[in-house]
Protein backbone atom coordinates (compact mmCIF):
# COMPACT_ATOMS: atom_id res chain seq x y z
CA UNK A 1 15.53 3.28 -13.48
CA UNK A 2 12.58 3.93 -15.80
CA UNK A 3 11.16 0.47 -15.14
CA UNK A 4 11.00 1.11 -11.40
CA UNK A 5 9.50 4.58 -11.81
CA UNK A 6 6.83 3.24 -14.15
CA UNK A 7 6.04 0.32 -11.83
CA UNK A 8 5.48 2.89 -9.09
CA UNK A 9 3.33 5.09 -11.35
CA UNK A 10 1.15 2.15 -12.32
CA UNK A 11 0.91 0.78 -8.79
CA UNK A 12 0.05 4.23 -7.38
CA UNK A 13 -2.79 4.48 -9.89
CA UNK A 14 -4.13 1.12 -8.69
CA UNK A 15 -3.95 2.19 -5.04
CA UNK A 16 -5.69 5.49 -5.83
CA UNK A 17 -8.42 3.68 -7.73
CA UNK A 18 -8.93 1.18 -4.92
CA UNK A 19 -9.15 3.97 -2.34
CA UNK A 20 -11.80 5.61 -4.52
CA UNK A 21 -13.85 2.41 -4.27
CA UNK A 22 -13.24 0.87 -7.68
CA UNK A 23 -13.71 -2.91 -7.63
CA UNK A 24 -10.78 -5.23 -8.28
CA UNK A 25 -12.07 -6.30 -11.70
CA UNK A 26 -12.18 -2.67 -12.89
CA UNK A 27 -8.74 -1.86 -11.47
CA UNK A 28 -7.05 -4.84 -13.08
CA UNK A 29 -8.80 -4.36 -16.42
CA UNK A 30 -6.30 -3.22 -19.08
CA UNK A 31 -8.70 -0.37 -19.88
CA UNK A 32 -8.27 1.14 -16.39
CA UNK A 33 -6.64 4.57 -16.44
CA UNK A 34 -6.21 7.01 -13.56
CA UNK A 35 -7.35 9.77 -15.93
CA UNK A 36 -8.77 9.46 -19.45
CA UNK A 37 -5.93 9.09 -21.96
CA UNK A 38 -3.24 9.02 -19.27
CA UNK A 39 -1.36 5.91 -20.40
CA UNK A 40 -1.42 7.06 -24.02
CA UNK A 41 -0.02 10.46 -23.05
CA UNK A 42 2.43 8.96 -20.53
CA UNK A 43 3.31 5.45 -21.76
CA UNK A 44 4.66 2.85 -19.39
CA UNK A 45 7.92 0.95 -19.84
CA UNK A 46 7.14 -2.12 -22.02
CA UNK A 47 7.62 -4.58 -19.13
CA UNK A 48 5.17 -2.64 -16.95
CA UNK A 49 2.76 -2.18 -19.85
CA UNK A 50 2.73 -5.97 -20.28
CA UNK A 51 1.69 -6.28 -16.63
CA UNK A 52 -0.99 -3.61 -17.11
CA UNK A 53 -2.29 -5.66 -20.02
CA UNK A 54 -2.64 -8.66 -17.70
CA UNK A 55 0.48 -10.74 -18.31
CA UNK A 56 -0.06 -12.40 -14.92
CA UNK A 57 -3.61 -13.60 -15.59
CA UNK A 58 -2.78 -16.88 -17.29
CA UNK A 59 0.49 -17.68 -15.55
CA UNK A 60 1.16 -20.05 -12.70
CA UNK A 61 4.29 -20.71 -10.66
CA UNK A 62 7.11 -21.11 -11.63
CA UNK A 63 6.26 -18.54 -14.33
CA UNK A 64 5.10 -16.22 -11.53
CA UNK A 65 7.95 -15.49 -9.15
CA UNK A 66 8.19 -13.66 -5.87
CA UNK A 67 11.33 -11.63 -6.44
CA UNK A 68 13.05 -8.44 -5.38
CA UNK A 69 13.05 -7.33 -9.03
CA UNK A 70 10.29 -4.75 -9.41
CA UNK A 71 8.76 -6.31 -12.53
CA UNK A 72 8.53 -9.78 -10.98
CA UNK A 73 7.30 -8.57 -7.59
CA UNK A 74 4.58 -6.38 -9.14
CA UNK A 75 3.48 -9.19 -11.44
CA UNK A 76 3.41 -11.67 -8.54
CA UNK A 77 1.41 -9.34 -6.30
CA UNK A 78 -1.14 -8.66 -9.03
CA UNK A 79 -1.32 -12.40 -9.80
CA UNK A 80 -2.23 -13.10 -6.16
CA UNK A 81 -4.78 -10.29 -6.19
CA UNK A 82 -6.32 -11.46 -9.47
CA UNK A 83 -6.63 -15.10 -8.41
CA UNK A 84 -8.03 -14.54 -4.90
CA UNK A 85 -11.04 -12.64 -3.64
CA UNK A 86 -10.06 -11.99 -0.05
CA UNK A 87 -7.08 -10.50 1.74
CA UNK A 88 -5.89 -13.63 3.54
CA UNK A 89 -5.90 -16.15 0.69
CA UNK A 90 -4.19 -13.67 -1.64
CA UNK A 91 -1.56 -12.82 0.97
CA UNK A 92 -0.80 -16.49 1.55
CA UNK A 93 -0.55 -17.11 -2.20
CA UNK A 94 1.79 -14.13 -2.59
CA UNK A 95 4.20 -15.05 0.18
CA UNK A 96 4.16 -18.76 -0.62
CA UNK A 97 5.70 -17.99 -4.01
CA UNK A 98 8.90 -17.90 -1.99
CA UNK A 99 12.20 -16.20 -2.84
CA UNK A 100 11.64 -12.57 -1.79
CA UNK A 101 8.37 -13.36 0.01
CA UNK A 102 8.36 -10.22 2.16
CA UNK A 103 8.58 -7.94 -0.87
CA UNK A 104 5.81 -9.75 -2.73
CA UNK A 105 3.66 -9.81 0.39
CA UNK A 106 4.22 -6.12 1.05
CA UNK A 107 3.27 -5.13 -2.49
CA UNK A 108 0.21 -7.39 -2.42
CA UNK A 109 -0.78 -6.14 1.04
CA UNK A 110 -0.82 -2.51 -0.03
CA UNK A 111 -3.24 -3.12 -2.87
CA UNK A 112 -5.35 -5.69 -1.04
CA UNK A 113 -5.56 -3.42 1.99
CA UNK A 114 -6.79 -0.58 -0.21
CA UNK A 115 -9.29 -2.92 -1.90
CA UNK A 116 -10.67 -4.77 1.14
CA UNK A 117 -10.09 -2.20 3.88
CA UNK A 118 -9.29 -2.87 7.50
CA UNK A 119 -12.27 -5.22 7.98
CA UNK A 120 -10.94 -7.39 5.15
CA UNK A 121 -7.76 -8.21 7.06
CA UNK A 122 -8.28 -11.14 9.46
CA UNK A 123 -8.71 -9.90 13.03
CA UNK A 124 -6.00 -12.23 14.33
CA UNK A 125 -3.54 -10.75 11.85
CA UNK A 126 -4.48 -7.17 12.71
CA UNK A 127 -4.06 -7.75 16.44
CA UNK A 128 -0.48 -9.00 16.01
CA UNK A 129 0.85 -6.01 14.06
CA UNK A 130 3.73 -4.31 15.85
CA UNK A 131 2.99 -0.66 16.70
CA UNK A 132 -0.62 -1.29 15.70
CA UNK A 133 -2.03 1.73 17.56
CA UNK A 134 0.50 4.08 15.97
CA UNK A 135 -0.11 2.65 12.48
CA UNK A 136 -3.89 2.97 12.83
CA UNK A 137 -3.54 6.59 13.99
CA UNK A 138 -1.28 7.36 11.03
CA UNK A 139 -3.76 5.72 8.64
CA UNK A 140 -6.57 7.84 10.08
CA UNK A 141 -4.48 10.98 9.54
CA UNK A 142 -3.73 9.99 5.95
CA UNK A 143 -7.39 9.33 5.20
CA UNK A 144 -8.41 12.62 6.79
CA UNK A 145 -6.26 14.47 4.28
CA UNK A 146 -4.11 17.54 4.76
CA UNK A 147 -4.85 19.99 7.52
CA UNK A 148 -4.46 23.71 7.08
CA UNK A 149 -2.09 25.35 9.52
């Protein structure tokens, strides 16, 4: 569905920007673009464009909903990111919206992890991750980039 594809395009641009070191305020600014003129040349679905413009900024639950629907889950994750300045408080806000808490938390966690890095995740949380060693090794490989065979 075009809405889902555009949610992924927008979210991928946020992740890429965060990994490049852009601060949260710059990423969530409606003026943020992955490349100059990108959104004008490749417009987003209207529901995703509304999120890009900051629809979540002035909402509170129940107007923000943790849901399996891509528009609602993206909006909820960005709401939690916008309202909180550390990984843990944003994660708790995201999952405590209820309904599809794991989806909202997973979407939030991707962006917050890219923004705050491994040190931003509470140590007690990091230590309890299943397959932690494998995940950390995979993350190191991803950050190292492609290898030439």
